[in-house]
Each structure stands twice: as structure tokens, then as C-alpha cells.
């Protein structure tokens, strides 16, 4: 049903499609209120703010207890320089990913159904885009950033002043 963005099956199951892009008039994602899900899939999660991810996790409660289920949230993305790198990729690389999470690297060459022409397109992209989209490299060089993303992310945790010291921002 294109008006309600739902697919309903004969057994009562539903697939509900929701836009998770940031909306300034709904920064807390109240539009998702009342949804109860058994599992969720976020496609291209790198395009979603972390807040959307956090809210979707809270919706995974439908019939979980009744059927003794484990809630599942599946996500797909291309390598990106955002919260996903910190939350999943780097923790996976450092063997510090929480036990209830898993990171699975999948490359275009892992998919036998992709046409050879698509693989060639990826191989012939400019170096930064090829590294990201063909090689699956999360440490690609971003051409449009003033500062290195990893250094910005690390700066939040590097310095923790004593509680008695005055805090300043410059």
C-alpha cells in the first residue's frame, strides 16, 4: 500500500517502511511513537543520524516476551566517516565490539548476482570512491573535510580534566 507504506501478508505479518532522515520538526522521532517491532532493517544506515538508530532499537519489543524471541536490528551501509565507524567498524577491528553486536564486512565481489559491468564501474571510480565502494575501506581519505574525522572523534575522549578544574572551551 503506497499510501500507508506497508506490505501486509496473509498471516498478519507486516513490513512497515519509514523514513529515518533527520527532520528538524521531529528531532526526537516522535513520528515512530507507538510502533512495536519484532525486528527491523535499516538500509543505508550511514544516511541516518545516530538518534534514529537509538530510537529504532527501542521499538524492538513486539511479542518478544510472548514468543521468547531475541530482538534483531539489521543494518546495511557503505563505509563512511560518521558514528557507524566508531560504533561498529573500529570496535570490530579492535575486538571490542559488544557481544550482542556483530559486524560483517561484505564487498561487491562477494555478490555473485552483480553484473560484471557494475563491478567494472566500481573499479574505475576515482581513488577515494573506489577505496570506499569497491574495496570496502573505512579509512579512505575524505576530500571534503577540513579535519580528519578520526582525530575529531578521538578528541572527545582524550582530555578529561579534574572535576575541580574550571572547564573552558576555545
N, C-alpha and C. Protein backbone atom coordinates (compact mmCIF):
# COMPACT_ATOMS: atom_id res chain seq x y z
N UNK A 1 0.85 -1.17 0.00
CA UNK A 1 0.00 0.00 0.00
C UNK A 1 0.90 1.23 0.00
N UNK A 2 0.93 1.95 -1.10
CA UNK A 2 1.84 3.08 -1.21
C UNK A 2 1.43 4.26 -0.33
N UNK A 3 0.17 4.36 0.04
CA UNK A 3 -0.25 5.47 0.90
C UNK A 3 0.18 5.25 2.34
N UNK A 4 0.09 4.02 2.81
CA UNK A 4 0.49 3.76 4.20
C UNK A 4 1.91 3.23 4.30
N UNK A 5 2.57 2.99 3.16
CA UNK A 5 3.93 2.45 3.14
C UNK A 5 4.03 1.14 3.92
N UNK A 6 3.12 0.23 3.65
CA UNK A 6 3.09 -1.06 4.34
C UNK A 6 2.87 -2.19 3.35
N UNK A 7 3.40 -3.33 3.69
CA UNK A 7 3.10 -4.57 2.98
C UNK A 7 2.50 -5.50 4.03
N UNK A 8 1.30 -5.99 3.78
CA UNK A 8 0.63 -6.90 4.72
C UNK A 8 0.53 -8.28 4.10
N UNK A 9 0.84 -9.28 4.90
CA UNK A 9 0.82 -10.66 4.45
C UNK A 9 -0.41 -11.38 5.00
N UNK A 10 -0.78 -12.47 4.36
CA UNK A 10 -1.98 -13.22 4.74
C UNK A 10 -1.93 -13.74 6.17
N UNK A 11 -0.74 -13.92 6.73
CA UNK A 11 -0.62 -14.44 8.11
C UNK A 11 -0.65 -13.34 9.16
N UNK A 12 -0.84 -12.10 8.74
CA UNK A 12 -0.91 -10.98 9.68
C UNK A 12 0.40 -10.22 9.82
N UNK A 13 1.49 -10.76 9.30
CA UNK A 13 2.78 -10.05 9.36
C UNK A 13 2.73 -8.80 8.49
N UNK A 14 3.52 -7.82 8.86
CA UNK A 14 3.59 -6.58 8.11
C UNK A 14 5.03 -6.14 7.94
N UNK A 15 5.28 -5.49 6.85
CA UNK A 15 6.53 -4.75 6.66
C UNK A 15 6.12 -3.30 6.58
N UNK A 16 6.71 -2.48 7.46
CA UNK A 16 6.38 -1.07 7.52
C UNK A 16 7.60 -0.27 7.08
N UNK A 17 7.43 0.60 6.12
CA UNK A 17 8.51 1.44 5.61
C UNK A 17 8.43 2.82 6.26
N UNK A 18 9.52 3.27 6.84
CA UNK A 18 9.58 4.57 7.49
C UNK A 18 10.83 5.30 7.04
N UNK A 19 10.70 6.61 6.88
CA UNK A 19 11.84 7.45 6.53
C UNK A 19 12.54 7.84 7.83
N UNK A 20 13.84 7.60 7.91
CA UNK A 20 14.59 7.92 9.12
C UNK A 20 15.49 9.14 8.96
N UNK A 21 15.31 9.87 7.88
CA UNK A 21 16.10 11.10 7.69
C UNK A 21 15.77 12.08 8.81
N UNK A 22 16.74 12.88 9.18
CA UNK A 22 16.52 13.87 10.23
C UNK A 22 15.50 14.90 9.77
N UNK A 23 14.53 15.17 10.63
CA UNK A 23 13.51 16.17 10.35
C UNK A 23 13.55 17.18 11.49
N UNK A 24 13.92 18.44 11.23
CA UNK A 24 14.03 19.43 12.32
C UNK A 24 12.75 19.59 13.13
N UNK A 25 11.59 19.33 12.53
CA UNK A 25 10.34 19.47 13.28
C UNK A 25 10.06 18.23 14.14
N UNK A 26 10.86 17.18 14.00
CA UNK A 26 10.70 15.96 14.80
C UNK A 26 12.06 15.38 15.17
N UNK A 27 12.89 16.15 15.90
CA UNK A 27 14.25 15.69 16.19
C UNK A 27 14.31 14.46 17.09
N UNK A 28 13.22 14.19 17.83
CA UNK A 28 13.19 13.03 18.72
C UNK A 28 12.45 11.85 18.11
N UNK A 29 12.12 11.94 16.84
CA UNK A 29 11.46 10.86 16.10
C UNK A 29 10.14 10.41 16.75
N UNK A 30 9.35 11.39 17.18
CA UNK A 30 8.03 11.08 17.73
C UNK A 30 7.14 10.41 16.68
N UNK A 31 7.45 10.63 15.40
CA UNK A 31 6.66 10.02 14.33
C UNK A 31 6.72 8.49 14.38
N UNK A 32 7.71 7.94 15.06
CA UNK A 32 7.83 6.49 15.20
C UNK A 32 7.11 5.98 16.44
N UNK A 33 6.63 6.92 17.26
CA UNK A 33 5.97 6.54 18.51
C UNK A 33 4.83 5.57 18.28
N UNK A 34 4.72 4.62 19.15
CA UNK A 34 3.66 3.63 19.06
C UNK A 34 4.01 2.42 18.22
N UNK A 35 5.07 2.51 17.43
CA UNK A 35 5.48 1.35 16.65
C UNK A 35 6.08 0.30 17.58
N UNK A 36 5.67 -0.92 17.40
CA UNK A 36 6.29 -2.04 18.11
C UNK A 36 6.74 -3.02 17.05
N UNK A 37 8.01 -3.35 17.06
CA UNK A 37 8.60 -4.20 16.02
C UNK A 37 9.21 -5.45 16.64
N UNK A 38 9.22 -6.51 15.87
CA UNK A 38 9.92 -7.73 16.28
C UNK A 38 11.35 -7.68 15.76
N UNK A 39 11.52 -7.18 14.56
CA UNK A 39 12.85 -6.97 14.00
C UNK A 39 12.77 -5.76 13.07
N UNK A 40 13.93 -5.21 12.76
CA UNK A 40 13.98 -4.03 11.89
C UNK A 40 15.20 -4.14 10.99
N UNK A 41 15.10 -3.49 9.86
CA UNK A 41 16.22 -3.40 8.91
C UNK A 41 16.35 -1.95 8.49
N UNK A 42 17.53 -1.39 8.65
CA UNK A 42 17.79 -0.02 8.21
C UNK A 42 18.75 -0.11 7.03
N UNK A 43 18.26 0.23 5.87
CA UNK A 43 19.07 0.22 4.66
C UNK A 43 19.81 1.56 4.57
N UNK A 44 21.06 1.52 4.16
CA UNK A 44 21.89 2.73 4.06
C UNK A 44 21.87 3.51 5.37
N UNK A 45 22.16 2.83 6.46
CA UNK A 45 22.11 3.43 7.79
C UNK A 45 23.10 4.58 7.94
N UNK A 46 24.12 4.64 7.09
CA UNK A 46 25.07 5.76 7.16
C UNK A 46 24.39 7.09 6.85
N UNK A 47 23.24 7.05 6.22
CA UNK A 47 22.49 8.27 5.92
C UNK A 47 21.57 8.68 7.06
N UNK A 48 21.52 7.87 8.11
CA UNK A 48 20.64 8.15 9.25
C UNK A 48 21.45 8.71 10.41
N UNK A 49 20.87 9.64 11.13
CA UNK A 49 21.56 10.11 12.34
C UNK A 49 21.56 9.01 13.41
N UNK A 50 22.51 9.11 14.30
CA UNK A 50 22.60 8.14 15.39
C UNK A 50 21.30 8.10 16.20
N UNK A 51 20.65 9.25 16.34
CA UNK A 51 19.39 9.33 17.08
C UNK A 51 18.34 8.38 16.48
N UNK A 52 18.28 8.28 15.15
CA UNK A 52 17.32 7.38 14.51
C UNK A 52 17.63 5.94 14.89
N UNK A 53 18.90 5.57 14.84
CA UNK A 53 19.33 4.22 15.25
C UNK A 53 18.93 3.95 16.70
N UNK A 54 19.19 4.90 17.58
CA UNK A 54 18.86 4.72 19.00
C UNK A 54 17.36 4.53 19.20
N UNK A 55 16.55 5.29 18.50
CA UNK A 55 15.10 5.19 18.64
C UNK A 55 14.59 3.86 18.09
N UNK A 56 15.08 3.45 16.92
CA UNK A 56 14.63 2.18 16.34
C UNK A 56 14.92 1.03 17.29
N UNK A 57 16.05 1.05 17.97
CA UNK A 57 16.36 -0.01 18.94
C UNK A 57 15.29 -0.11 20.02
N UNK A 58 14.71 1.02 20.42
CA UNK A 58 13.70 0.99 21.49
C UNK A 58 12.36 0.44 21.01
N UNK A 59 12.19 0.31 19.71
CA UNK A 59 10.93 -0.18 19.15
C UNK A 59 10.88 -1.71 19.07
N UNK A 60 12.00 -2.36 19.30
CA UNK A 60 12.10 -3.82 19.15
C UNK A 60 11.56 -4.52 20.39
N UNK A 61 10.22 -4.61 20.44
CA UNK A 61 9.58 -5.19 21.63
C UNK A 61 8.31 -5.97 21.32
N UNK A 62 7.89 -6.04 20.08
CA UNK A 62 6.62 -6.68 19.74
C UNK A 62 6.69 -8.20 19.87
N UNK A 63 5.91 -8.73 20.77
CA UNK A 63 5.77 -10.18 21.03
C UNK A 63 7.10 -10.86 21.35
N UNK A 64 8.08 -10.08 21.77
CA UNK A 64 9.40 -10.63 22.11
C UNK A 64 9.28 -11.56 23.32
N UNK A 65 8.63 -11.09 24.36
CA UNK A 65 8.49 -11.88 25.58
C UNK A 65 7.52 -13.05 25.35
N UNK A 66 6.42 -12.77 24.65
CA UNK A 66 5.39 -13.79 24.43
C UNK A 66 5.95 -15.03 23.73
N UNK A 67 6.85 -14.83 22.76
CA UNK A 67 7.40 -15.95 22.00
C UNK A 67 8.86 -16.25 22.33
N UNK A 68 9.36 -15.61 23.40
CA UNK A 68 10.74 -15.81 23.82
C UNK A 68 11.73 -15.56 22.66
N UNK A 69 11.57 -14.40 22.03
CA UNK A 69 12.39 -14.04 20.88
C UNK A 69 13.54 -13.13 21.29
N UNK A 70 14.53 -13.06 20.46
CA UNK A 70 15.61 -12.10 20.62
C UNK A 70 15.39 -11.01 19.58
N UNK A 71 15.23 -9.76 20.01
CA UNK A 71 15.03 -8.70 19.02
C UNK A 71 16.25 -8.55 18.12
N UNK A 72 16.00 -8.25 16.87
CA UNK A 72 17.09 -8.13 15.89
C UNK A 72 16.97 -6.80 15.14
N UNK A 73 18.10 -6.16 14.96
CA UNK A 73 18.19 -4.96 14.13
C UNK A 73 19.31 -5.20 13.13
N UNK A 74 18.94 -5.28 11.86
CA UNK A 74 19.90 -5.47 10.78
C UNK A 74 20.11 -4.13 10.11
N UNK A 75 21.34 -3.88 9.67
CA UNK A 75 21.63 -2.61 9.00
C UNK A 75 22.61 -2.87 7.86
N UNK A 76 22.50 -2.06 6.82
CA UNK A 76 23.47 -2.13 5.73
C UNK A 76 24.01 -0.74 5.48
N UNK A 77 25.24 -0.68 4.99
CA UNK A 77 25.83 0.62 4.70
C UNK A 77 27.10 0.43 3.88
N UNK A 78 27.55 1.51 3.34
CA UNK A 78 28.89 1.59 2.76
C UNK A 78 29.78 2.24 3.80
N UNK A 79 31.09 2.03 3.71
CA UNK A 79 31.98 2.69 4.65
C UNK A 79 31.73 4.20 4.66
N UNK A 80 31.78 4.77 5.85
CA UNK A 80 31.52 6.20 5.99
C UNK A 80 32.31 6.76 7.15
N UNK A 81 32.45 8.05 7.16
CA UNK A 81 33.17 8.74 8.22
C UNK A 81 32.14 9.35 9.17
N UNK A 82 31.44 8.51 9.90
CA UNK A 82 30.44 9.01 10.85
C UNK A 82 30.36 8.07 12.04
N UNK A 83 29.28 8.15 12.78
CA UNK A 83 29.12 7.39 14.02
C UNK A 83 29.23 5.88 13.83
N UNK A 84 28.90 5.38 12.64
CA UNK A 84 28.99 3.94 12.39
C UNK A 84 30.42 3.42 12.50
N UNK A 85 31.35 4.23 12.02
CA UNK A 85 32.75 3.81 12.08
C UNK A 85 33.17 3.61 13.53
N UNK A 86 32.78 4.55 14.39
CA UNK A 86 33.14 4.45 15.81
C UNK A 86 32.38 3.33 16.51
N UNK A 87 31.09 3.23 16.22
CA UNK A 87 30.21 2.29 16.93
C UNK A 87 30.40 0.83 16.53
N UNK A 88 30.74 0.59 15.26
CA UNK A 88 30.81 -0.79 14.79
C UNK A 88 32.17 -1.16 14.21
N UNK A 89 32.62 -0.45 13.19
CA UNK A 89 33.82 -0.87 12.47
C UNK A 89 35.06 -0.88 13.37
N UNK A 90 35.35 0.24 14.03
CA UNK A 90 36.57 0.30 14.85
C UNK A 90 36.51 -0.68 16.02
N UNK A 91 35.34 -0.82 16.61
CA UNK A 91 35.21 -1.80 17.71
C UNK A 91 35.41 -3.22 17.19
N UNK A 92 34.94 -3.48 15.98
CA UNK A 92 35.15 -4.80 15.37
C UNK A 92 36.65 -5.04 15.14
N UNK A 93 37.32 -4.06 14.58
CA UNK A 93 38.75 -4.17 14.29
C UNK A 93 39.55 -4.34 15.58
N UNK A 94 39.14 -3.64 16.64
CA UNK A 94 39.86 -3.69 17.92
C UNK A 94 39.38 -4.82 18.83
N UNK A 95 38.53 -5.69 18.34
CA UNK A 95 37.98 -6.80 19.13
C UNK A 95 37.28 -6.33 20.39
N UNK A 96 36.60 -5.17 20.31
CA UNK A 96 35.90 -4.65 21.49
C UNK A 96 34.40 -4.45 21.21
N UNK A 97 33.92 -5.06 20.14
CA UNK A 97 32.50 -4.96 19.81
C UNK A 97 31.70 -5.72 20.87
N UNK A 98 30.63 -5.11 21.35
CA UNK A 98 29.81 -5.72 22.38
C UNK A 98 29.33 -7.09 21.92
N UNK A 99 29.17 -8.04 22.86
CA UNK A 99 28.81 -9.41 22.50
C UNK A 99 27.48 -9.54 21.75
N UNK A 100 26.57 -8.60 21.95
CA UNK A 100 25.26 -8.68 21.29
C UNK A 100 25.27 -8.03 19.90
N UNK A 101 26.45 -7.59 19.44
CA UNK A 101 26.56 -6.97 18.13
C UNK A 101 27.52 -7.79 17.26
N UNK A 102 27.31 -7.70 15.96
CA UNK A 102 28.21 -8.35 15.02
C UNK A 102 28.39 -7.43 13.81
N UNK A 103 29.59 -7.41 13.29
CA UNK A 103 29.90 -6.63 12.10
C UNK A 103 30.33 -7.62 11.02
N UNK A 104 29.68 -7.57 9.87
CA UNK A 104 30.03 -8.45 8.76
C UNK A 104 30.41 -7.59 7.57
N UNK A 105 31.66 -7.67 7.18
CA UNK A 105 32.13 -6.92 6.01
C UNK A 105 31.71 -7.69 4.76
N UNK A 106 31.06 -7.02 3.85
CA UNK A 106 30.67 -7.63 2.58
C UNK A 106 31.10 -6.70 1.45
N UNK A 107 31.74 -7.26 0.47
CA UNK A 107 32.24 -6.48 -0.67
C UNK A 107 31.39 -6.77 -1.91
N UNK A 108 31.41 -5.89 -2.88
CA UNK A 108 30.65 -6.15 -4.10
C UNK A 108 31.04 -7.48 -4.76
N UNK A 109 32.29 -7.85 -4.65
CA UNK A 109 32.76 -9.09 -5.27
C UNK A 109 32.23 -10.33 -4.55
N UNK A 110 31.65 -10.16 -3.35
CA UNK A 110 31.03 -11.28 -2.63
C UNK A 110 29.66 -11.64 -3.21
N UNK A 111 29.11 -10.74 -3.99
CA UNK A 111 27.76 -10.95 -4.54
C UNK A 111 27.85 -11.50 -5.96
N UNK A 112 27.58 -12.78 -6.15
CA UNK A 112 27.69 -13.37 -7.49
C UNK A 112 26.60 -12.89 -8.44
N UNK A 113 25.59 -12.19 -7.93
CA UNK A 113 24.49 -11.73 -8.77
C UNK A 113 24.70 -10.34 -9.36
N UNK A 114 25.77 -9.67 -8.95
CA UNK A 114 26.03 -8.35 -9.52
C UNK A 114 26.57 -8.51 -10.94
N UNK A 115 26.13 -7.69 -11.85
CA UNK A 115 26.65 -7.78 -13.22
C UNK A 115 28.12 -7.35 -13.28
N UNK A 116 28.87 -7.96 -14.15
CA UNK A 116 30.29 -7.62 -14.31
C UNK A 116 30.45 -6.15 -14.66
N UNK A 117 29.50 -5.59 -15.38
CA UNK A 117 29.59 -4.18 -15.77
C UNK A 117 29.56 -3.27 -14.54
N UNK A 118 28.80 -3.65 -13.51
CA UNK A 118 28.74 -2.85 -12.28
C UNK A 118 30.08 -2.91 -11.55
N UNK A 119 30.67 -4.09 -11.48
CA UNK A 119 31.98 -4.24 -10.85
C UNK A 119 33.02 -3.38 -11.57
N UNK A 120 32.96 -3.35 -12.89
CA UNK A 120 33.89 -2.51 -13.67
C UNK A 120 33.69 -1.03 -13.37
N UNK A 121 32.45 -0.63 -13.23
CA UNK A 121 32.16 0.77 -12.88
C UNK A 121 32.83 1.11 -11.55
N UNK A 122 32.68 0.23 -10.55
CA UNK A 122 33.29 0.47 -9.24
C UNK A 122 34.81 0.51 -9.32
N UNK A 123 35.38 -0.39 -10.12
CA UNK A 123 36.84 -0.43 -10.26
C UNK A 123 37.39 0.84 -10.89
N UNK A 124 36.59 1.51 -11.70
CA UNK A 124 37.06 2.69 -12.43
C UNK A 124 36.66 4.00 -11.78
N UNK A 125 36.18 3.95 -10.55
CA UNK A 125 35.85 5.18 -9.83
C UNK A 125 37.14 5.91 -9.44
N UNK A 126 37.04 7.20 -9.13
CA UNK A 126 38.21 7.91 -8.60
C UNK A 126 38.72 7.19 -7.34
N UNK A 127 40.01 7.30 -7.04
CA UNK A 127 40.64 6.50 -5.96
C UNK A 127 39.89 6.50 -4.63
N UNK A 128 39.45 7.66 -4.15
CA UNK A 128 38.77 7.71 -2.85
C UNK A 128 37.47 6.93 -2.90
N UNK A 129 36.68 7.12 -3.95
CA UNK A 129 35.39 6.42 -4.07
C UNK A 129 35.59 4.92 -4.30
N UNK A 130 36.62 4.56 -5.08
CA UNK A 130 36.91 3.14 -5.31
C UNK A 130 37.30 2.46 -3.99
N UNK A 131 38.15 3.13 -3.20
CA UNK A 131 38.58 2.57 -1.92
C UNK A 131 37.37 2.30 -1.02
N UNK A 132 36.43 3.20 -1.02
CA UNK A 132 35.26 3.08 -0.17
C UNK A 132 34.24 2.07 -0.70
N UNK A 133 33.87 2.19 -1.98
CA UNK A 133 32.75 1.41 -2.52
C UNK A 133 33.16 0.05 -3.11
N UNK A 134 34.38 -0.08 -3.60
CA UNK A 134 34.83 -1.36 -4.16
C UNK A 134 35.65 -2.16 -3.14
N UNK A 135 36.61 -1.48 -2.51
CA UNK A 135 37.50 -2.16 -1.56
C UNK A 135 36.91 -2.26 -0.16
N UNK A 136 35.86 -1.51 0.14
CA UNK A 136 35.27 -1.54 1.48
C UNK A 136 36.18 -0.95 2.53
N UNK A 137 36.96 0.04 2.15
CA UNK A 137 37.95 0.66 3.04
C UNK A 137 37.29 1.76 3.87
N UNK A 138 37.25 1.57 5.18
CA UNK A 138 36.66 2.57 6.09
C UNK A 138 37.64 3.70 6.38
N UNK A 139 38.90 3.52 6.02
CA UNK A 139 39.92 4.54 6.29
C UNK A 139 40.27 5.34 5.05
N UNK A 140 39.32 5.43 4.14
CA UNK A 140 39.57 6.20 2.92
C UNK A 140 39.77 7.68 3.26
N UNK A 141 40.47 8.36 2.40
CA UNK A 141 40.71 9.79 2.58
C UNK A 141 39.51 10.57 2.10
N UNK A 142 38.93 11.37 2.96
CA UNK A 142 37.81 12.22 2.57
C UNK A 142 38.35 13.50 1.95
N UNK A 143 37.82 13.83 0.79
CA UNK A 143 38.33 15.01 0.08
C UNK A 143 37.65 16.30 0.51
N UNK A 144 36.52 16.21 1.22
CA UNK A 144 35.77 17.42 1.50
C UNK A 144 35.76 17.81 2.98
N UNK A 145 36.61 17.20 3.78
CA UNK A 145 36.64 17.52 5.20
C UNK A 145 37.79 18.45 5.53
N UNK A 146 37.53 19.39 6.43
CA UNK A 146 38.60 20.27 6.89
C UNK A 146 39.51 19.55 7.88
N UNK A 147 38.92 18.63 8.67
CA UNK A 147 39.67 17.93 9.70
C UNK A 147 39.46 16.43 9.54
N UNK A 148 40.43 15.65 9.93
CA UNK A 148 40.34 14.20 9.90
C UNK A 148 39.28 13.73 10.89
N UNK A 149 38.32 12.95 10.42
CA UNK A 149 37.20 12.50 11.26
C UNK A 149 37.69 11.74 12.48
N UNK A 150 38.65 10.85 12.31
CA UNK A 150 39.13 10.04 13.43
C UNK A 150 39.71 10.91 14.54
N UNK A 151 40.43 11.97 14.16
CA UNK A 151 41.01 12.85 15.18
C UNK A 151 39.92 13.63 15.92
N UNK A 152 38.90 14.05 15.20
CA UNK A 152 37.79 14.74 15.85
C UNK A 152 37.09 13.80 16.84
N UNK A 153 36.83 12.57 16.41
CA UNK A 153 36.16 11.60 17.28
C UNK A 153 37.01 11.29 18.51
N UNK A 154 38.33 11.19 18.34
CA UNK A 154 39.21 10.89 19.47
C UNK A 154 39.31 12.07 20.43
N UNK A 155 39.18 13.29 19.93
CA UNK A 155 39.37 14.48 20.78
C UNK A 155 38.35 14.53 21.91
N UNK A 156 37.19 13.94 21.73
CA UNK A 156 36.16 13.95 22.76
C UNK A 156 36.62 13.15 23.97
N UNK A 157 37.42 12.14 23.78
CA UNK A 157 37.80 11.24 24.86
C UNK A 157 39.25 11.43 25.33
N UNK A 158 40.00 12.28 24.68
CA UNK A 158 41.42 12.40 25.02
C UNK A 158 41.68 13.09 26.34
N UNK A 159 41.01 14.20 26.59
CA UNK A 159 41.31 15.01 27.76
C UNK A 159 40.10 15.04 28.69
N UNK A 160 40.32 14.59 29.91
CA UNK A 160 39.26 14.65 30.90
C UNK A 160 39.79 15.39 32.11
N UNK A 161 39.44 16.68 32.22
CA UNK A 161 40.00 17.48 33.32
C UNK A 161 39.49 17.01 34.67
N UNK A 162 40.30 17.29 35.71
CA UNK A 162 39.91 17.01 37.07
C UNK A 162 38.61 17.78 37.35
N UNK A 163 37.73 17.20 38.13
CA UNK A 163 36.44 17.83 38.41
C UNK A 163 36.56 19.19 39.07
N UNK A 164 37.67 19.44 39.75
CA UNK A 164 37.86 20.73 40.42
C UNK A 164 38.38 21.81 39.50
N UNK A 165 38.91 21.43 38.36
CA UNK A 165 39.44 22.41 37.44
C UNK A 165 38.32 23.11 36.68
N UNK A 166 38.50 24.40 36.42
CA UNK A 166 37.48 25.08 35.60
C UNK A 166 37.51 24.53 34.18
N UNK A 167 36.35 24.42 33.59
CA UNK A 167 36.26 23.91 32.21
C UNK A 167 36.14 25.08 31.25
N UNK A 168 36.92 25.03 30.18
CA UNK A 168 36.93 26.10 29.21
C UNK A 168 36.82 25.53 27.82
N UNK A 169 36.26 26.31 26.93
CA UNK A 169 36.18 25.91 25.55
C UNK A 169 36.72 27.05 24.71
N UNK A 170 37.61 26.73 23.76
CA UNK A 170 38.19 27.78 22.93
C UNK A 170 37.98 27.44 21.47
